[in-house]
Protein backbone atom coordinates (compact mmCIF):
# COMPACT_ATOMS: atom_id res chain seq x y z
CA MET A 1 65.58 -53.50 -37.92
CA ILE A 2 66.77 -50.02 -37.03
CA HIS A 3 68.12 -47.91 -39.93
CA PHE A 4 71.83 -47.09 -39.78
CA ALA A 5 71.07 -43.36 -39.83
CA VAL A 6 69.25 -43.67 -36.50
CA LEU A 7 72.20 -45.51 -34.96
CA THR A 8 74.62 -42.92 -36.36
CA THR A 9 72.54 -40.06 -34.97
CA VAL A 10 72.35 -41.59 -31.50
CA ALA A 11 76.11 -42.21 -31.49
CA GLU A 12 76.91 -38.71 -32.76
CA ILE A 13 74.63 -36.95 -30.28
CA SER A 14 76.09 -39.01 -27.43
CA ALA A 15 79.60 -38.03 -28.47
CA ALA A 16 78.61 -34.36 -28.79
CA ALA A 17 77.01 -34.36 -25.34
CA ALA A 18 80.22 -35.70 -23.85
CA VAL A 19 82.19 -32.73 -25.23
CA GLY A 20 80.04 -30.35 -23.21
CA SER A 21 80.42 -27.38 -25.58
CA PRO A 22 78.58 -26.25 -28.72
CA VAL A 23 80.03 -28.31 -31.57
CA VAL A 24 79.64 -29.02 -35.28
CA PRO A 25 80.71 -32.44 -36.60
CA ALA A 26 83.63 -32.28 -39.02
CA THR A 27 84.12 -36.01 -39.62
CA VAL A 28 82.13 -39.03 -38.54
CA THR A 29 83.29 -42.64 -38.72
CA VAL A 30 80.66 -45.22 -37.85
CA HIS A 31 81.06 -48.92 -37.21
CA LEU A 32 77.88 -50.99 -37.28
CA LEU A 33 78.68 -53.97 -35.10
CA SER A 34 75.44 -55.85 -34.68
CA ARG A 35 71.87 -55.77 -35.97
CA ALA A 36 69.64 -53.46 -33.94
CA ARG A 37 66.01 -54.44 -33.53
CA LEU A 38 62.93 -52.60 -32.31
CA ALA A 39 63.95 -52.15 -28.69
CA PRO A 40 65.30 -49.23 -26.65
CA LEU A 41 68.70 -47.88 -27.66
CA VAL A 42 71.16 -46.42 -25.14
CA GLY A 43 73.84 -43.97 -26.24
CA THR A 44 76.94 -43.10 -24.23
CA GLY A 45 79.82 -40.83 -25.15
CA ARG A 46 83.27 -39.93 -23.97
CA VAL A 47 85.84 -37.35 -24.97
CA LEU A 48 89.09 -38.69 -26.35
CA ARG A 49 90.78 -35.29 -26.79
CA LYS A 50 89.64 -31.68 -26.56
CA GLY A 51 91.65 -28.73 -27.76
CA LYS A 52 90.87 -25.06 -28.36
CA ARG A 53 89.27 -25.56 -31.79
CA LEU A 54 88.71 -29.29 -32.23
CA ALA A 55 87.51 -32.17 -30.11
CA VAL A 56 87.46 -35.90 -30.78
CA ALA A 57 84.88 -38.03 -29.02
CA GLU A 58 83.37 -41.47 -29.35
CA GLY A 59 79.76 -42.48 -29.07
CA GLU A 60 78.52 -46.00 -28.41
CA VAL A 61 75.03 -47.35 -28.95
CA THR A 62 73.93 -50.39 -26.99
CA GLN A 63 70.75 -52.39 -27.00
CA ASN A 64 69.95 -54.90 -24.26
CA GLY A 65 73.56 -54.60 -23.07
CA GLU A 66 75.02 -55.44 -26.51
CA LEU A 67 77.15 -52.94 -28.45
CA VAL A 68 75.45 -52.36 -31.81
CA ALA A 69 77.27 -49.27 -33.15
CA LYS A 70 80.27 -47.11 -32.39
CA ALA A 71 81.24 -43.74 -33.85
CA ILE A 72 84.38 -41.66 -33.66
CA VAL A 73 83.56 -38.01 -34.32
CA GLN A 74 85.83 -35.02 -34.84
CA PHE A 75 84.03 -31.84 -33.84
CA ALA A 76 84.76 -28.20 -34.49
CA LEU A 77 84.13 -26.20 -31.32
CA VAL A 78 81.88 -23.17 -31.90
CA GLY A 79 81.05 -20.32 -29.59
């Protein structure tokens, strides 16, 4: 099995990459949806809303085409 912290990290980094600016996570909500095994993980992110100081994005982690974790992250924009 893959530890939840690994899934959370992949989801958070995917969400941060989608924002496209330097960010610091303010809140992270993670949903573990399915057991992840020792196989490649794929993270994708998308921005839900981006303002001047805060951004909200989601990150999804899939494995073999199956959604295993999803995170909603509120970021503080820095820089």
